[in-house]
């Protein structure tokens, strides 16, 4: 299975560093690159936390509908289950960041693979950009 996947709609790549299966269900560890103006919509997860760590460049997080947080390289922030959030690139350069899902979640990993695959092969309508942005 491919370790790195690309999504041209939200302008990012995801590299699976450690999957839920590889960690015995403890963690899903994924490194992302995100182009300027890239990001995802507000959403929440019911059963796992998501820890964001900025690696190269600043990472924007929207927390709820009103709070915005900017992480500088080396800074982390954990979003607990049921908390509305999204990520975005607030800069004019490509950024790199890490997401750790705890406990690991094969369904999350597979949804990324499916959505990115559909986006990469043109199976998603451009109207679905609203879903990703």
N, C-alpha and C. Protein backbone atom coordinates (compact mmCIF):
# COMPACT_ATOMS: atom_id res chain seq x y z
N UNK A 1 0.85 -1.18 0.00
CA UNK A 1 0.00 0.00 0.00
C UNK A 1 0.89 1.24 0.00
N UNK A 2 0.47 2.27 -0.74
CA UNK A 2 1.26 3.50 -0.83
C UNK A 2 1.37 4.19 0.52
N UNK A 3 2.57 4.66 0.84
CA UNK A 3 2.79 5.40 2.08
C UNK A 3 2.44 6.88 1.92
N UNK A 4 2.61 7.42 0.70
CA UNK A 4 2.32 8.83 0.45
C UNK A 4 1.19 8.94 -0.57
N UNK A 5 0.19 9.76 -0.23
CA UNK A 5 -0.94 10.00 -1.12
C UNK A 5 -1.07 11.50 -1.34
N UNK A 6 -1.68 11.89 -2.47
CA UNK A 6 -1.81 13.30 -2.81
C UNK A 6 -3.27 13.65 -3.08
N UNK A 7 -3.65 14.86 -2.67
CA UNK A 7 -5.00 15.36 -2.93
C UNK A 7 -4.89 16.72 -3.61
N UNK A 8 -5.14 16.78 -4.92
CA UNK A 8 -5.04 18.06 -5.62
C UNK A 8 -6.15 19.05 -5.28
N UNK A 9 -7.23 18.60 -4.65
CA UNK A 9 -8.32 19.51 -4.32
C UNK A 9 -7.96 20.39 -3.13
N UNK A 10 -7.47 19.79 -2.04
CA UNK A 10 -7.08 20.62 -0.89
C UNK A 10 -5.59 20.93 -0.89
N UNK A 11 -4.91 20.51 -1.95
CA UNK A 11 -3.52 20.88 -2.19
C UNK A 11 -2.60 20.35 -1.12
N UNK A 12 -2.65 19.05 -0.84
CA UNK A 12 -1.75 18.49 0.15
C UNK A 12 -1.30 17.09 -0.21
N UNK A 13 -0.30 16.62 0.53
CA UNK A 13 0.11 15.22 0.48
C UNK A 13 0.11 14.71 1.91
N UNK A 14 -0.12 13.42 2.06
CA UNK A 14 -0.10 12.78 3.36
C UNK A 14 0.80 11.56 3.28
N UNK A 15 1.72 11.44 4.25
CA UNK A 15 2.61 10.28 4.32
C UNK A 15 2.34 9.56 5.62
N UNK A 16 1.97 8.30 5.51
CA UNK A 16 1.68 7.48 6.69
C UNK A 16 3.02 7.03 7.30
N UNK A 17 3.35 7.58 8.48
CA UNK A 17 4.58 7.21 9.17
C UNK A 17 4.37 5.94 9.98
N UNK A 18 3.19 5.83 10.60
CA UNK A 18 2.82 4.63 11.34
C UNK A 18 1.31 4.50 11.31
N UNK A 19 0.83 3.35 10.89
CA UNK A 19 -0.61 3.13 10.80
C UNK A 19 -1.13 2.51 12.09
N UNK A 20 -2.44 2.52 12.24
CA UNK A 20 -3.08 1.89 13.40
C UNK A 20 -2.69 0.41 13.47
N UNK A 21 -2.70 -0.24 12.33
CA UNK A 21 -2.34 -1.67 12.30
C UNK A 21 -0.90 -1.88 12.76
N UNK A 22 0.02 -1.05 12.28
CA UNK A 22 1.43 -1.19 12.64
C UNK A 22 1.68 -0.92 14.12
N UNK A 23 0.85 -0.08 14.73
CA UNK A 23 1.05 0.30 16.14
C UNK A 23 0.18 -0.52 17.10
N UNK A 24 -0.49 -1.52 16.58
CA UNK A 24 -1.38 -2.29 17.44
C UNK A 24 -2.57 -1.48 17.91
N UNK A 25 -2.99 -0.50 17.09
CA UNK A 25 -4.16 0.31 17.42
C UNK A 25 -3.87 1.53 18.28
N UNK A 26 -2.61 1.75 18.65
CA UNK A 26 -2.28 2.85 19.55
C UNK A 26 -2.32 4.21 18.88
N UNK A 27 -1.89 4.28 17.61
CA UNK A 27 -1.73 5.60 16.97
C UNK A 27 -1.81 5.48 15.45
N UNK A 28 -2.28 6.54 14.83
CA UNK A 28 -2.12 6.77 13.40
C UNK A 28 -1.25 8.02 13.31
N UNK A 29 -0.08 7.92 12.71
CA UNK A 29 0.89 9.00 12.67
C UNK A 29 1.11 9.38 11.20
N UNK A 30 0.73 10.62 10.85
CA UNK A 30 0.72 11.03 9.44
C UNK A 30 1.38 12.40 9.32
N UNK A 31 2.28 12.52 8.33
CA UNK A 31 2.92 13.80 8.04
C UNK A 31 2.29 14.38 6.78
N UNK A 32 1.93 15.66 6.85
CA UNK A 32 1.27 16.34 5.73
C UNK A 32 2.13 17.48 5.21
N UNK A 33 2.04 17.73 3.91
CA UNK A 33 2.49 18.99 3.33
C UNK A 33 1.23 19.67 2.81
N UNK A 34 1.20 20.98 2.92
CA UNK A 34 0.01 21.72 2.54
C UNK A 34 0.43 23.00 1.82
N UNK A 35 -0.12 23.20 0.64
CA UNK A 35 0.20 24.36 -0.18
C UNK A 35 -0.57 25.58 0.32
N UNK A 36 -0.14 26.80 -0.09
CA UNK A 36 -0.88 28.00 0.27
C UNK A 36 -2.36 27.86 -0.13
N UNK A 37 -3.23 28.37 0.72
CA UNK A 37 -4.68 28.33 0.54
C UNK A 37 -5.27 26.94 0.75
N UNK A 38 -4.44 25.96 1.08
CA UNK A 38 -4.96 24.61 1.34
C UNK A 38 -5.54 24.51 2.73
N UNK A 39 -6.42 23.56 2.93
CA UNK A 39 -7.02 23.33 4.23
C UNK A 39 -8.23 22.43 4.12
N UNK A 40 -8.86 22.17 5.22
CA UNK A 40 -10.06 21.32 5.21
C UNK A 40 -11.20 22.01 5.95
N UNK A 41 -12.43 21.48 5.83
CA UNK A 41 -13.58 22.12 6.47
C UNK A 41 -13.66 21.80 7.96
N UNK A 42 -14.43 22.61 8.69
CA UNK A 42 -14.69 22.30 10.09
C UNK A 42 -15.34 20.93 10.20
N UNK A 43 -14.87 20.15 11.17
CA UNK A 43 -15.40 18.80 11.39
C UNK A 43 -15.03 18.38 12.82
N UNK A 44 -15.50 17.21 13.22
CA UNK A 44 -15.10 16.66 14.52
C UNK A 44 -15.01 15.16 14.40
N UNK A 45 -14.33 14.56 15.37
CA UNK A 45 -14.19 13.10 15.44
C UNK A 45 -14.83 12.64 16.74
N UNK A 46 -15.55 11.55 16.67
CA UNK A 46 -16.28 11.07 17.84
C UNK A 46 -15.42 10.27 18.82
N UNK A 47 -14.44 9.53 18.31
CA UNK A 47 -13.78 8.54 19.17
C UNK A 47 -12.28 8.70 19.35
N UNK A 48 -11.67 9.71 18.78
CA UNK A 48 -10.22 9.85 18.92
C UNK A 48 -9.81 11.31 18.96
N UNK A 49 -8.66 11.53 19.61
CA UNK A 49 -8.08 12.87 19.65
C UNK A 49 -7.15 13.02 18.45
N UNK A 50 -6.84 14.28 18.11
CA UNK A 50 -5.98 14.58 16.98
C UNK A 50 -4.98 15.65 17.43
N UNK A 51 -3.69 15.28 17.45
CA UNK A 51 -2.65 16.22 17.86
C UNK A 51 -1.93 16.73 16.62
N UNK A 52 -1.93 18.04 16.46
CA UNK A 52 -1.28 18.71 15.34
C UNK A 52 0.06 19.27 15.82
N UNK A 53 1.11 19.07 15.03
CA UNK A 53 2.42 19.65 15.33
C UNK A 53 2.96 20.30 14.06
N UNK A 54 3.26 21.59 14.14
CA UNK A 54 3.87 22.30 13.00
C UNK A 54 5.33 21.86 12.90
N UNK A 55 5.77 21.53 11.69
CA UNK A 55 7.15 21.10 11.47
C UNK A 55 7.93 22.18 10.72
N UNK A 56 7.44 22.56 9.56
CA UNK A 56 8.11 23.55 8.72
C UNK A 56 7.08 24.57 8.26
N UNK A 57 7.17 25.78 8.79
CA UNK A 57 6.17 26.80 8.50
C UNK A 57 5.10 26.81 9.58
N UNK A 58 4.21 27.79 9.50
CA UNK A 58 3.14 27.94 10.48
C UNK A 58 1.89 27.20 10.03
N UNK A 59 1.22 26.56 10.98
CA UNK A 59 -0.02 25.83 10.72
C UNK A 59 -1.17 26.54 11.40
N UNK A 60 -2.23 26.82 10.63
CA UNK A 60 -3.42 27.43 11.20
C UNK A 60 -4.42 26.37 11.62
N UNK A 61 -5.02 26.58 12.78
CA UNK A 61 -6.10 25.72 13.27
C UNK A 61 -7.30 26.60 13.57
N UNK A 62 -8.45 26.17 13.11
CA UNK A 62 -9.69 26.84 13.51
C UNK A 62 -10.33 25.91 14.54
N UNK A 63 -10.64 26.46 15.69
CA UNK A 63 -11.19 25.69 16.81
C UNK A 63 -12.58 26.23 17.11
N UNK A 64 -13.59 25.44 16.84
CA UNK A 64 -14.95 25.93 16.93
C UNK A 64 -15.18 26.87 15.76
N UNK A 65 -16.17 27.74 15.90
CA UNK A 65 -16.49 28.63 14.78
C UNK A 65 -15.80 29.98 14.87
N UNK A 66 -15.16 30.28 16.04
CA UNK A 66 -14.63 31.63 16.22
C UNK A 66 -13.15 31.71 16.55
N UNK A 67 -12.55 30.67 17.08
CA UNK A 67 -11.16 30.75 17.57
C UNK A 67 -10.19 30.25 16.50
N UNK A 68 -9.16 31.05 16.24
CA UNK A 68 -8.09 30.64 15.32
C UNK A 68 -6.78 30.61 16.10
N UNK A 69 -6.01 29.53 15.90
CA UNK A 69 -4.72 29.37 16.56
C UNK A 69 -3.68 29.13 15.48
N UNK A 70 -2.53 29.77 15.59
CA UNK A 70 -1.43 29.58 14.66
C UNK A 70 -0.29 28.88 15.41
N UNK A 71 0.09 27.69 14.93
CA UNK A 71 1.20 26.95 15.53
C UNK A 71 2.49 27.27 14.77
N UNK A 72 3.53 27.59 15.52
CA UNK A 72 4.86 27.80 14.94
C UNK A 72 5.61 26.46 14.96
N UNK A 73 6.65 26.31 14.14
CA UNK A 73 7.39 25.04 14.12
C UNK A 73 7.76 24.55 15.52
N UNK A 74 7.46 23.29 15.78
CA UNK A 74 7.73 22.68 17.08
C UNK A 74 6.57 22.76 18.05
N UNK A 75 5.58 23.61 17.78
CA UNK A 75 4.43 23.73 18.67
C UNK A 75 3.36 22.70 18.30
N UNK A 76 2.65 22.23 19.33
CA UNK A 76 1.59 21.23 19.14
C UNK A 76 0.30 21.68 19.80
N UNK A 77 -0.78 21.11 19.31
CA UNK A 77 -2.10 21.36 19.92
C UNK A 77 -2.94 20.11 19.72
N UNK A 78 -3.60 19.66 20.80
CA UNK A 78 -4.44 18.47 20.73
C UNK A 78 -5.91 18.86 20.73
N UNK A 79 -6.64 18.33 19.75
CA UNK A 79 -8.08 18.51 19.65
C UNK A 79 -8.72 17.24 20.20
N UNK A 80 -9.53 17.40 21.22
CA UNK A 80 -10.18 16.25 21.86
C UNK A 80 -11.39 15.79 21.04
N UNK A 81 -11.84 14.55 21.26
CA UNK A 81 -13.03 14.06 20.54
C UNK A 81 -14.21 15.02 20.73
N UNK A 82 -15.05 15.11 19.70
CA UNK A 82 -16.26 15.92 19.67
C UNK A 82 -16.00 17.42 19.60
N UNK A 83 -14.76 17.84 19.36
CA UNK A 83 -14.42 19.26 19.26
C UNK A 83 -14.33 19.66 17.79
N UNK A 84 -15.10 20.67 17.41
CA UNK A 84 -15.12 21.17 16.05
C UNK A 84 -13.77 21.82 15.73
N UNK A 85 -13.18 21.46 14.57
CA UNK A 85 -11.86 21.99 14.20
C UNK A 85 -11.61 21.84 12.71
N UNK A 86 -10.59 22.55 12.24
CA UNK A 86 -10.08 22.39 10.88
C UNK A 86 -8.65 22.91 10.86
N UNK A 87 -7.91 22.58 9.79
CA UNK A 87 -6.56 23.10 9.64
C UNK A 87 -6.47 23.86 8.33
N UNK A 88 -5.48 24.78 8.26
CA UNK A 88 -5.28 25.55 7.03
C UNK A 88 -3.86 26.09 7.00
N UNK A 89 -3.43 26.45 5.81
CA UNK A 89 -2.12 27.07 5.61
C UNK A 89 -2.32 28.59 5.56
N UNK A 90 -1.86 29.31 6.60
CA UNK A 90 -2.05 30.76 6.63
C UNK A 90 -0.94 31.53 5.91
N UNK A 91 -0.03 30.82 5.25
CA UNK A 91 1.13 31.47 4.63
C UNK A 91 1.06 31.40 3.11
N UNK A 92 2.04 31.99 2.47
CA UNK A 92 2.12 31.94 1.02
C UNK A 92 3.17 30.92 0.55
N UNK A 93 3.56 30.00 1.46
CA UNK A 93 4.53 28.95 1.14
C UNK A 93 3.99 27.59 1.57
N UNK A 94 4.53 26.54 0.97
CA UNK A 94 4.19 25.18 1.40
C UNK A 94 4.61 25.01 2.86
N UNK A 95 3.78 24.33 3.63
CA UNK A 95 4.11 24.03 5.03
C UNK A 95 4.09 22.51 5.24
N UNK A 96 4.70 22.08 6.34
CA UNK A 96 4.71 20.66 6.69
C UNK A 96 4.27 20.55 8.15
N UNK A 97 3.40 19.57 8.42
CA UNK A 97 2.94 19.35 9.79
C UNK A 97 2.62 17.88 9.99
N UNK A 98 2.47 17.52 11.26
CA UNK A 98 2.20 16.14 11.64
C UNK A 98 0.86 16.07 12.36
N UNK A 99 0.16 14.96 12.14
CA UNK A 99 -1.06 14.67 12.88
C UNK A 99 -0.90 13.29 13.50
N UNK A 100 -1.20 13.23 14.80
CA UNK A 100 -1.23 11.94 15.50
C UNK A 100 -2.65 11.71 15.99
N UNK A 101 -3.25 10.61 15.55
CA UNK A 101 -4.59 10.21 15.96
C UNK A 101 -4.44 9.16 17.07
N UNK A 102 -5.11 9.40 18.23
CA UNK A 102 -5.04 8.43 19.33
C UNK A 102 -6.45 8.16 19.84
N UNK A 103 -6.86 6.92 19.95
CA UNK A 103 -6.13 5.75 19.48
C UNK A 103 -6.09 5.73 17.95
N UNK A 104 -5.20 4.93 17.40
CA UNK A 104 -5.10 4.81 15.95
C UNK A 104 -6.44 4.42 15.36
N UNK A 105 -6.68 4.84 14.11
CA UNK A 105 -7.98 4.61 13.51
C UNK A 105 -7.86 4.23 12.05
N UNK A 106 -8.00 2.94 11.76
CA UNK A 106 -7.90 2.44 10.39
C UNK A 106 -8.94 3.09 9.49
N UNK A 107 -10.13 3.35 10.00
CA UNK A 107 -11.18 3.99 9.21
C UNK A 107 -10.78 5.39 8.75
N UNK A 108 -10.13 6.15 9.63
CA UNK A 108 -9.64 7.48 9.27
C UNK A 108 -8.60 7.36 8.15
N UNK A 109 -7.68 6.43 8.31
CA UNK A 109 -6.62 6.22 7.31
C UNK A 109 -7.23 5.83 5.96
N UNK A 110 -8.18 4.92 5.98
CA UNK A 110 -8.81 4.47 4.74
C UNK A 110 -9.63 5.57 4.09
N UNK A 111 -10.31 6.42 4.91
CA UNK A 111 -11.07 7.52 4.31
C UNK A 111 -10.14 8.48 3.58
N UNK A 112 -8.96 8.75 4.17
CA UNK A 112 -7.99 9.61 3.48
C UNK A 112 -7.58 8.99 2.14
N UNK A 113 -7.27 7.70 2.17
CA UNK A 113 -6.85 7.02 0.94
C UNK A 113 -7.95 7.07 -0.13
N UNK A 114 -9.18 6.86 0.27
CA UNK A 114 -10.30 6.87 -0.69
C UNK A 114 -10.51 8.27 -1.26
N UNK A 115 -10.63 9.27 -0.38
CA UNK A 115 -10.88 10.64 -0.84
C UNK A 115 -9.73 11.17 -1.70
N UNK A 116 -8.50 10.93 -1.27
CA UNK A 116 -7.35 11.41 -2.04
C UNK A 116 -7.27 10.69 -3.38
N UNK A 117 -7.56 9.41 -3.38
CA UNK A 117 -7.56 8.66 -4.64
C UNK A 117 -8.60 9.18 -5.61
N UNK A 118 -9.81 9.44 -5.11
CA UNK A 118 -10.87 9.98 -5.96
C UNK A 118 -10.51 11.37 -6.47
N UNK A 119 -9.91 12.19 -5.62
CA UNK A 119 -9.51 13.53 -6.05
C UNK A 119 -8.41 13.45 -7.10
N UNK A 120 -7.44 12.58 -6.89
CA UNK A 120 -6.31 12.46 -7.81
C UNK A 120 -6.72 11.93 -9.18
N UNK A 121 -7.70 11.04 -9.22
CA UNK A 121 -8.09 10.49 -10.53
C UNK A 121 -9.25 11.24 -11.18
N UNK A 122 -9.66 12.36 -10.57
CA UNK A 122 -10.69 13.20 -11.18
C UNK A 122 -12.10 12.72 -10.96
N UNK A 123 -12.30 11.79 -10.03
CA UNK A 123 -13.64 11.25 -9.78
C UNK A 123 -14.52 12.19 -8.96
N UNK A 124 -13.92 13.20 -8.34
CA UNK A 124 -14.70 14.14 -7.55
C UNK A 124 -14.98 15.38 -8.38
N UNK A 125 -16.20 15.83 -8.33
CA UNK A 125 -16.60 17.05 -9.03
C UNK A 125 -15.91 18.25 -8.39
N UNK A 126 -15.61 19.26 -9.17
CA UNK A 126 -15.02 20.48 -8.62
C UNK A 126 -15.97 21.12 -7.62
N UNK A 127 -17.27 20.85 -7.73
CA UNK A 127 -18.23 21.38 -6.76
C UNK A 127 -17.98 20.82 -5.37
N UNK A 128 -17.33 19.66 -5.29
CA UNK A 128 -17.03 19.08 -3.99
C UNK A 128 -15.87 19.78 -3.31
N UNK A 129 -15.27 20.76 -3.97
CA UNK A 129 -14.22 21.57 -3.33
C UNK A 129 -14.77 22.17 -2.05
N UNK A 130 -16.07 22.47 -2.03
CA UNK A 130 -16.70 23.03 -0.84
C UNK A 130 -16.58 22.08 0.33
N UNK A 131 -16.60 20.78 0.08
CA UNK A 131 -16.47 19.80 1.15
C UNK A 131 -15.09 19.89 1.79
N UNK A 132 -14.08 20.20 0.98
CA UNK A 132 -12.71 20.21 1.45
C UNK A 132 -12.22 21.56 1.94
N UNK A 133 -12.94 22.63 1.65
CA UNK A 133 -12.39 23.95 2.00
C UNK A 133 -13.27 24.73 2.95
